[in-house]
């Protein structure tokens, strides 16, 4: 079983078992790998952090108040702190979710981040 990994350690996300797990949970940063089967839904919720959702495999719909974005492998979406959203798995796969909990980053600063 994988525990949280340390700085400098390499982790192959393609080799993780098809279960959801927290990879990093440190002050200001949480990284999750979510494995979902087709049809699975994560109900509407909001997080007090910047949320970056990246598709690793499969297809997902990220639903926001008036917008729906389909995310596939290699695609990502950035959500502002407190933005309500839900996730639907369209095709079985995995998401990498990064939560940046440092609220001192402004929307302007996050727009300037190059991914």
C-alpha atoms as a PDB file:
ATOM      1  CA  UNK A   1       0.000   0.000   0.000  1.00  0.00           C
ATOM      2  CA  UNK A   2       1.259   3.470  -0.896  1.00  0.00           C
ATOM      3  CA  UNK A   3       1.708   5.991   1.871  1.00  0.00           C
ATOM      4  CA  UNK A   4       2.258   9.694   1.284  1.00  0.00           C
ATOM      5  CA  UNK A   5       5.445  10.134  -0.662  1.00  0.00           C
ATOM      6  CA  UNK A   6       8.322  12.398   0.275  1.00  0.00           C
ATOM      7  CA  UNK A   7      10.023  15.234  -1.628  1.00  0.00           C
ATOM      8  CA  UNK A   8      12.446  13.851  -4.192  1.00  0.00           C
ATOM      9  CA  UNK A   9      10.618  10.531  -4.476  1.00  0.00           C
ATOM     10  CA  UNK A  10       9.304   9.517  -7.905  1.00  0.00           C
ATOM     11  CA  UNK A  11       5.780   8.146  -8.288  1.00  0.00           C
ATOM     12  CA  UNK A  12       4.348   6.626 -11.463  1.00  0.00           C
ATOM     13  CA  UNK A  13       0.662   7.575 -11.478  1.00  0.00           C
ATOM     14  CA  UNK A  14      -0.020   5.064 -14.259  1.00  0.00           C
ATOM     15  CA  UNK A  15       0.849   2.196 -11.925  1.00  0.00           C
ATOM     16  CA  UNK A  16      -1.471   3.126  -9.060  1.00  0.00           C
ATOM     17  CA  UNK A  17      -4.204   0.648  -8.299  1.00  0.00           C
ATOM     18  CA  UNK A  18      -7.642   1.855  -9.446  1.00  0.00           C
ATOM     19  CA  UNK A  19      -8.562   3.340  -6.074  1.00  0.00           C
ATOM     20  CA  UNK A  20      -8.651   6.892  -4.806  1.00  0.00           C
ATOM     21  CA  UNK A  21      -5.952   8.061  -2.448  1.00  0.00           C
ATOM     22  CA  UNK A  22      -4.333  11.148  -0.960  1.00  0.00           C
ATOM     23  CA  UNK A  23      -0.773  11.423  -2.246  1.00  0.00           C
ATOM     24  CA  UNK A  24       0.285  14.584  -0.376  1.00  0.00           C
ATOM     25  CA  UNK A  25      -1.361  16.280   2.571  1.00  0.00           C
ATOM     26  CA  UNK A  26       0.852  19.076   3.804  1.00  0.00           C
ATOM     27  CA  UNK A  27       0.140  22.563   5.069  1.00  0.00           C
ATOM     28  CA  UNK A  28      -1.085  24.535   2.068  1.00  0.00           C
ATOM     29  CA  UNK A  29      -1.082  21.628  -0.410  1.00  0.00           C
ATOM     30  CA  UNK A  30      -3.140  18.501  -0.863  1.00  0.00           C
ATOM     31  CA  UNK A  31      -2.775  16.186  -3.877  1.00  0.00           C
ATOM     32  CA  UNK A  32      -5.347  13.481  -4.579  1.00  0.00           C
ATOM     33  CA  UNK A  33      -5.510  10.761  -7.208  1.00  0.00           C
ATOM     34  CA  UNK A  34      -9.172   9.894  -7.774  1.00  0.00           C
ATOM     35  CA  UNK A  35     -10.102   6.697  -9.585  1.00  0.00           C
ATOM     36  CA  UNK A  36     -13.723   6.649 -10.729  1.00  0.00           C
ATOM     37  CA  UNK A  37     -15.837   4.229 -12.738  1.00  0.00           C
ATOM     38  CA  UNK A  38     -18.191   5.336 -15.498  1.00  0.00           C
ATOM     39  CA  UNK A  39     -21.413   6.739 -14.071  1.00  0.00           C
ATOM     40  CA  UNK A  40     -19.907   7.665 -10.684  1.00  0.00           C
ATOM     41  CA  UNK A  41     -20.753  11.205  -9.529  1.00  0.00           C
ATOM     42  CA  UNK A  42     -19.145  13.444  -6.943  1.00  0.00           C
ATOM     43  CA  UNK A  43     -21.961  15.713  -5.732  1.00  0.00           C
ATOM     44  CA  UNK A  44     -21.795  19.492  -5.809  1.00  0.00           C
ATOM     45  CA  UNK A  45     -19.374  20.863  -3.257  1.00  0.00           C
ATOM     46  CA  UNK A  46     -16.977  23.770  -2.751  1.00  0.00           C
ATOM     47  CA  UNK A  47     -13.449  23.806  -1.359  1.00  0.00           C
ATOM     48  CA  UNK A  48     -11.687  26.655   0.421  1.00  0.00           C
ATOM     49  CA  UNK A  49      -8.672  26.319  -1.899  1.00  0.00           C
ATOM     50  CA  UNK A  50      -7.632  26.759  -5.505  1.00  0.00           C
ATOM     51  CA  UNK A  51      -8.520  23.461  -7.211  1.00  0.00           C
ATOM     52  CA  UNK A  52      -6.649  22.144 -10.233  1.00  0.00           C
ATOM     53  CA  UNK A  53      -8.280  19.059 -11.786  1.00  0.00           C
ATOM     54  CA  UNK A  54      -6.211  17.171 -14.368  1.00  0.00           C
ATOM     55  CA  UNK A  55      -7.335  14.183 -16.383  1.00  0.00           C
ATOM     56  CA  UNK A  56      -4.940  11.225 -16.296  1.00  0.00           C
ATOM     57  CA  UNK A  57      -7.171   8.655 -18.006  1.00  0.00           C
ATOM     58  CA  UNK A  58     -10.842   8.426 -18.960  1.00  0.00           C
ATOM     59  CA  UNK A  59     -13.332  11.245 -19.535  1.00  0.00           C
ATOM     60  CA  UNK A  60     -14.971  13.426 -16.873  1.00  0.00           C
ATOM     61  CA  UNK A  61     -17.509  16.255 -16.822  1.00  0.00           C
ATOM     62  CA  UNK A  62     -16.725  19.066 -14.392  1.00  0.00           C
ATOM     63  CA  UNK A  63     -19.968  20.920 -13.735  1.00  0.00           C
ATOM     64  CA  UNK A  64     -19.919  24.486 -12.451  1.00  0.00           C
ATOM     65  CA  UNK A  65     -22.836  26.857 -11.869  1.00  0.00           C
ATOM     66  CA  UNK A  66     -23.535  27.610 -15.537  1.00  0.00           C
ATOM     67  CA  UNK A  67     -20.804  25.702 -17.330  1.00  0.00           C
ATOM     68  CA  UNK A  68     -19.838  22.086 -18.034  1.00  0.00           C
ATOM     69  CA  UNK A  69     -16.328  21.182 -19.139  1.00  0.00           C
ATOM     70  CA  UNK A  70     -15.351  17.740 -20.371  1.00  0.00           C
ATOM     71  CA  UNK A  71     -11.873  16.755 -19.171  1.00  0.00           C
ATOM     72  CA  UNK A  72      -9.892  13.939 -20.795  1.00  0.00           C
ATOM     73  CA  UNK A  73      -6.330  12.694 -20.300  1.00  0.00           C
ATOM     74  CA  UNK A  74      -3.891  15.583 -20.584  1.00  0.00           C
ATOM     75  CA  UNK A  75      -6.527  18.285 -19.971  1.00  0.00           C
ATOM     76  CA  UNK A  76      -7.134  20.332 -16.848  1.00  0.00           C
ATOM     77  CA  UNK A  77      -9.343  22.973 -15.293  1.00  0.00           C
ATOM     78  CA  UNK A  78      -8.615  25.504 -12.532  1.00  0.00           C
ATOM     79  CA  UNK A  79     -11.352  26.437 -10.043  1.00  0.00           C
ATOM     80  CA  UNK A  80     -11.269  29.429  -7.708  1.00  0.00           C
ATOM     81  CA  UNK A  81     -11.633  28.983  -3.947  1.00  0.00           C
ATOM     82  CA  UNK A  82     -15.263  28.467  -2.930  1.00  0.00           C
ATOM     83  CA  UNK A  83     -16.449  27.728  -6.498  1.00  0.00           C
ATOM     84  CA  UNK A  84     -19.239  25.130  -6.353  1.00  0.00           C
ATOM     85  CA  UNK A  85     -18.664  22.191  -8.689  1.00  0.00           C
ATOM     86  CA  UNK A  86     -19.478  18.541  -9.210  1.00  0.00           C
ATOM     87  CA  UNK A  87     -17.740  15.814 -11.208  1.00  0.00           C
ATOM     88  CA  UNK A  88     -19.266  13.046 -13.320  1.00  0.00           C
ATOM     89  CA  UNK A  89     -17.211  10.162 -14.674  1.00  0.00           C
ATOM     90  CA  UNK A  90     -18.181   9.572 -18.321  1.00  0.00           C
ATOM     91  CA  UNK A  91     -15.526   6.930 -19.017  1.00  0.00           C
ATOM     92  CA  UNK A  92     -13.687   5.024 -16.267  1.00  0.00           C
ATOM     93  CA  UNK A  93     -10.425   6.718 -15.419  1.00  0.00           C
ATOM     94  CA  UNK A  94      -8.336   8.768 -12.994  1.00  0.00           C
ATOM     95  CA  UNK A  95      -8.037  12.428 -12.035  1.00  0.00           C
ATOM     96  CA  UNK A  96      -5.175  14.211 -10.326  1.00  0.00           C
ATOM     97  CA  UNK A  97      -6.560  16.925  -8.042  1.00  0.00           C
ATOM     98  CA  UNK A  98      -4.293  19.579  -6.513  1.00  0.00           C
ATOM     99  CA  UNK A  99      -5.644  21.795  -3.730  1.00  0.00           C
ATOM    100  CA  UNK A 100      -3.617  24.952  -3.136  1.00  0.00           C
ATOM    101  CA  UNK A 101      -4.806  26.068   0.266  1.00  0.00           C
ATOM    102  CA  UNK A 102      -2.765  29.294   0.482  1.00  0.00           C
ATOM    103  CA  UNK A 103      -5.501  31.898   0.091  1.00  0.00           C
ATOM    104  CA  UNK A 104      -2.927  34.689  -0.351  1.00  0.00           C
ATOM    105  CA  UNK A 105      -2.769  33.939  -4.089  1.00  0.00           C
ATOM    106  CA  UNK A 106      -5.006  36.400  -5.931  1.00  0.00           C
ATOM    107  CA  UNK A 107      -7.081  35.547  -9.006  1.00  0.00           C
ATOM    108  CA  UNK A 108      -4.683  37.721 -11.036  1.00  0.00           C
ATOM    109  CA  UNK A 109      -1.674  35.743  -9.796  1.00  0.00           C
ATOM    110  CA  UNK A 110      -3.354  32.415 -10.626  1.00  0.00           C
ATOM    111  CA  UNK A 111      -4.280  33.619 -14.132  1.00  0.00           C
ATOM    112  CA  UNK A 112      -0.593  34.359 -14.713  1.00  0.00           C
ATOM    113  CA  UNK A 113       0.473  30.808 -13.788  1.00  0.00           C
ATOM    114  CA  UNK A 114       1.751  28.930 -16.825  1.00  0.00           C
ATOM    115  CA  UNK A 115       0.860  25.237 -16.854  1.00  0.00           C
END
